[in-house]
């Protein structure tokens, strides 16, 4: 689900958030959290895989499709 925010001040405040922000309603009760999409890796962090290794893993289609995995999880809960 998506909620469009039209208040420019709120949009700018959320864009400036550098971390997770607690969302609090007008009654003072917290009701959720917001975090911006961050694509930058921390300084000095190096991905431990080569581009080739990542591509090979992307091609690997072993495992269950999501729906089958979910059915498996649900069946285990019932036991």
N, C-alpha and C. Protein backbone atom coordinates (compact mmCIF):
# COMPACT_ATOMS: atom_id res chain seq x y z
N UNK A 1 0.84 -1.17 0.00
CA UNK A 1 0.00 0.00 0.00
C UNK A 1 0.88 1.24 0.00
N UNK A 2 0.44 2.26 -0.67
CA UNK A 2 1.18 3.52 -0.72
C UNK A 2 0.28 4.64 -0.21
N UNK A 3 0.87 5.55 0.53
CA UNK A 3 0.15 6.72 1.01
C UNK A 3 0.88 7.94 0.46
N UNK A 4 0.17 8.76 -0.30
CA UNK A 4 0.79 9.96 -0.85
C UNK A 4 0.78 11.08 0.18
N UNK A 5 1.94 11.68 0.37
CA UNK A 5 2.06 12.80 1.30
C UNK A 5 2.12 14.07 0.47
N UNK A 6 1.19 14.98 0.72
CA UNK A 6 1.12 16.19 -0.07
C UNK A 6 1.59 17.43 0.68
N UNK A 7 1.83 17.31 1.99
CA UNK A 7 2.32 18.44 2.77
C UNK A 7 3.81 18.61 2.50
N UNK A 8 4.21 19.69 1.80
CA UNK A 8 5.62 19.84 1.42
C UNK A 8 6.57 19.90 2.61
N UNK A 9 6.12 20.46 3.73
CA UNK A 9 6.99 20.53 4.91
C UNK A 9 7.23 19.12 5.47
N UNK A 10 6.21 18.30 5.48
CA UNK A 10 6.37 16.94 5.97
C UNK A 10 7.24 16.12 5.03
N UNK A 11 7.04 16.29 3.73
CA UNK A 11 7.88 15.58 2.75
C UNK A 11 9.34 15.94 2.97
N UNK A 12 9.64 17.23 3.12
CA UNK A 12 11.02 17.65 3.31
C UNK A 12 11.59 17.13 4.63
N UNK A 13 10.79 17.15 5.69
CA UNK A 13 11.25 16.64 6.98
C UNK A 13 11.59 15.16 6.88
N UNK A 14 10.76 14.39 6.19
CA UNK A 14 11.02 12.96 6.06
C UNK A 14 12.23 12.70 5.18
N UNK A 15 12.42 13.51 4.14
CA UNK A 15 13.60 13.35 3.27
C UNK A 15 14.88 13.60 4.05
N UNK A 16 14.82 14.52 5.01
CA UNK A 16 16.01 14.87 5.79
C UNK A 16 16.30 13.86 6.90
N UNK A 17 15.35 12.98 7.18
CA UNK A 17 15.55 12.00 8.25
C UNK A 17 16.74 11.11 7.91
N UNK A 18 17.67 11.02 8.80
CA UNK A 18 18.85 10.22 8.56
C UNK A 18 18.77 8.84 9.18
N UNK A 19 17.67 8.53 9.79
CA UNK A 19 17.53 7.25 10.48
C UNK A 19 16.05 6.90 10.54
N UNK A 20 15.72 5.89 11.27
CA UNK A 20 14.32 5.51 11.44
C UNK A 20 13.63 6.57 12.29
N UNK A 21 12.45 6.96 11.86
CA UNK A 21 11.67 7.98 12.55
C UNK A 21 10.38 7.34 13.06
N UNK A 22 10.07 7.55 14.33
CA UNK A 22 8.81 7.08 14.88
C UNK A 22 7.69 8.01 14.42
N UNK A 23 6.59 7.44 13.96
CA UNK A 23 5.42 8.22 13.54
C UNK A 23 4.42 8.22 14.69
N UNK A 24 4.01 9.42 15.08
CA UNK A 24 3.10 9.59 16.22
C UNK A 24 1.87 10.34 15.74
N UNK A 25 0.71 9.81 16.06
CA UNK A 25 -0.54 10.41 15.64
C UNK A 25 -0.90 11.64 16.45
N UNK A 26 -1.98 12.33 16.05
CA UNK A 26 -2.38 13.55 16.76
C UNK A 26 -2.75 13.31 18.22
N UNK A 27 -3.06 12.06 18.55
CA UNK A 27 -3.40 11.74 19.95
C UNK A 27 -2.16 11.44 20.79
N UNK A 28 -0.97 11.53 20.15
CA UNK A 28 0.28 11.26 20.87
C UNK A 28 0.70 9.81 20.90
N UNK A 29 -0.12 8.93 20.31
CA UNK A 29 0.19 7.51 20.28
C UNK A 29 1.04 7.15 19.06
N UNK A 30 2.14 6.43 19.27
CA UNK A 30 2.94 5.99 18.12
C UNK A 30 2.15 4.96 17.31
N UNK A 31 2.30 5.02 15.99
CA UNK A 31 1.58 4.07 15.16
C UNK A 31 2.44 3.44 14.07
N UNK A 32 3.70 3.78 14.00
CA UNK A 32 4.54 3.16 12.99
C UNK A 32 5.90 3.82 12.93
N UNK A 33 6.66 3.41 11.93
CA UNK A 33 7.99 3.98 11.73
C UNK A 33 8.19 4.26 10.25
N UNK A 34 9.09 5.17 9.97
CA UNK A 34 9.45 5.53 8.61
C UNK A 34 10.96 5.50 8.51
N UNK A 35 11.46 5.00 7.39
CA UNK A 35 12.89 5.13 7.11
C UNK A 35 13.05 5.41 5.63
N UNK A 36 14.00 6.26 5.32
CA UNK A 36 14.24 6.59 3.92
C UNK A 36 15.01 5.45 3.27
N UNK A 37 14.91 5.38 1.96
CA UNK A 37 15.71 4.41 1.21
C UNK A 37 17.14 4.92 1.20
N UNK A 38 18.02 4.12 1.69
CA UNK A 38 19.44 4.47 1.69
C UNK A 38 20.18 3.44 0.84
N UNK A 39 20.89 3.92 -0.15
CA UNK A 39 21.60 3.00 -1.04
C UNK A 39 23.11 3.04 -0.83
N UNK A 40 23.56 3.95 -0.01
CA UNK A 40 24.99 4.06 0.22
C UNK A 40 25.42 3.06 1.28
N UNK A 41 26.54 2.40 1.01
CA UNK A 41 27.11 1.47 1.99
C UNK A 41 27.94 2.26 2.99
N UNK A 42 28.07 1.74 4.20
CA UNK A 42 28.90 2.44 5.18
C UNK A 42 30.33 2.58 4.68
N UNK A 43 31.02 3.64 5.09
CA UNK A 43 32.41 3.82 4.65
C UNK A 43 33.26 2.59 4.98
N UNK A 44 34.05 2.17 4.03
CA UNK A 44 34.95 1.03 4.23
C UNK A 44 34.31 -0.32 4.00
N UNK A 45 33.00 -0.38 3.81
CA UNK A 45 32.32 -1.67 3.60
C UNK A 45 32.58 -2.15 2.19
N UNK A 46 32.92 -3.40 2.07
CA UNK A 46 33.11 -4.01 0.75
C UNK A 46 32.23 -5.23 0.65
N UNK A 47 31.51 -5.35 -0.45
CA UNK A 47 30.66 -6.51 -0.69
C UNK A 47 31.57 -7.72 -0.81
N UNK A 48 31.29 -8.80 -0.08
CA UNK A 48 32.20 -9.95 -0.06
C UNK A 48 32.06 -10.86 -1.28
N UNK A 49 31.36 -10.44 -2.32
CA UNK A 49 31.18 -11.26 -3.52
C UNK A 49 31.57 -10.47 -4.75
N UNK A 50 32.11 -11.17 -5.74
CA UNK A 50 32.42 -10.50 -7.01
C UNK A 50 31.12 -10.35 -7.80
N UNK A 51 31.15 -9.49 -8.81
CA UNK A 51 29.98 -9.33 -9.68
C UNK A 51 29.60 -10.66 -10.33
N UNK A 52 30.61 -11.45 -10.67
CA UNK A 52 30.35 -12.74 -11.30
C UNK A 52 29.64 -13.69 -10.34
N UNK A 53 30.08 -13.71 -9.07
CA UNK A 53 29.43 -14.57 -8.08
C UNK A 53 27.97 -14.16 -7.86
N UNK A 54 27.74 -12.87 -7.82
CA UNK A 54 26.36 -12.37 -7.63
C UNK A 54 25.51 -12.78 -8.82
N UNK A 55 26.03 -12.65 -10.03
CA UNK A 55 25.27 -13.03 -11.22
C UNK A 55 24.97 -14.52 -11.23
N UNK A 56 25.92 -15.34 -10.82
CA UNK A 56 25.70 -16.79 -10.77
C UNK A 56 24.59 -17.12 -9.77
N UNK A 57 24.59 -16.47 -8.65
CA UNK A 57 23.54 -16.72 -7.64
C UNK A 57 22.18 -16.26 -8.13
N UNK A 58 22.16 -15.18 -8.93
CA UNK A 58 20.90 -14.72 -9.51
C UNK A 58 20.33 -15.77 -10.45
N UNK A 59 21.20 -16.45 -11.17
CA UNK A 59 20.77 -17.48 -12.14
C UNK A 59 20.28 -18.74 -11.44
N UNK A 60 20.74 -18.98 -10.22
CA UNK A 60 20.38 -20.18 -9.48
C UNK A 60 18.90 -20.15 -9.13
N UNK A 61 18.14 -21.07 -9.66
CA UNK A 61 16.69 -21.08 -9.44
C UNK A 61 16.25 -22.21 -8.52
N UNK A 62 17.16 -22.73 -7.72
CA UNK A 62 16.79 -23.78 -6.79
C UNK A 62 15.91 -23.21 -5.68
N UNK A 63 15.18 -24.08 -5.04
CA UNK A 63 14.34 -23.66 -3.95
C UNK A 63 12.87 -23.66 -4.36
N UNK A 64 12.04 -23.26 -3.43
CA UNK A 64 10.60 -23.26 -3.66
C UNK A 64 10.11 -21.89 -4.11
N UNK A 65 9.10 -21.87 -4.97
CA UNK A 65 8.45 -20.59 -5.24
C UNK A 65 7.82 -20.07 -3.95
N UNK A 66 7.61 -18.78 -3.87
CA UNK A 66 7.11 -18.16 -2.65
C UNK A 66 5.83 -18.82 -2.15
N UNK A 67 4.87 -19.05 -3.04
CA UNK A 67 3.60 -19.64 -2.60
C UNK A 67 3.81 -21.02 -1.99
N UNK A 68 4.68 -21.83 -2.57
CA UNK A 68 4.96 -23.15 -2.03
C UNK A 68 5.66 -23.05 -0.68
N UNK A 69 6.59 -22.11 -0.57
CA UNK A 69 7.29 -21.92 0.69
C UNK A 69 6.30 -21.52 1.78
N UNK A 70 5.38 -20.62 1.45
CA UNK A 70 4.39 -20.17 2.43
C UNK A 70 3.50 -21.32 2.88
N UNK A 71 3.08 -22.17 1.93
CA UNK A 71 2.26 -23.33 2.28
C UNK A 71 3.02 -24.24 3.23
N UNK A 72 4.30 -24.44 2.97
CA UNK A 72 5.15 -25.28 3.81
C UNK A 72 5.23 -24.71 5.22
N UNK A 73 5.43 -23.41 5.33
CA UNK A 73 5.50 -22.76 6.65
C UNK A 73 4.19 -22.93 7.40
N UNK A 74 3.07 -22.68 6.72
CA UNK A 74 1.75 -22.82 7.34
C UNK A 74 1.49 -24.25 7.80
N UNK A 75 1.91 -25.23 6.99
CA UNK A 75 1.67 -26.61 7.37
C UNK A 75 2.46 -26.98 8.62
N UNK A 76 3.64 -26.41 8.77
CA UNK A 76 4.45 -26.69 9.96
C UNK A 76 3.85 -26.04 11.21
N UNK A 77 3.20 -24.90 11.04
CA UNK A 77 2.55 -24.23 12.18
C UNK A 77 1.40 -25.03 12.73
N UNK A 78 0.72 -25.78 11.89
CA UNK A 78 -0.46 -26.54 12.30
C UNK A 78 -0.10 -27.81 13.07
N UNK A 79 1.15 -28.22 13.00
CA UNK A 79 1.57 -29.47 13.65
C UNK A 79 1.81 -29.28 15.12
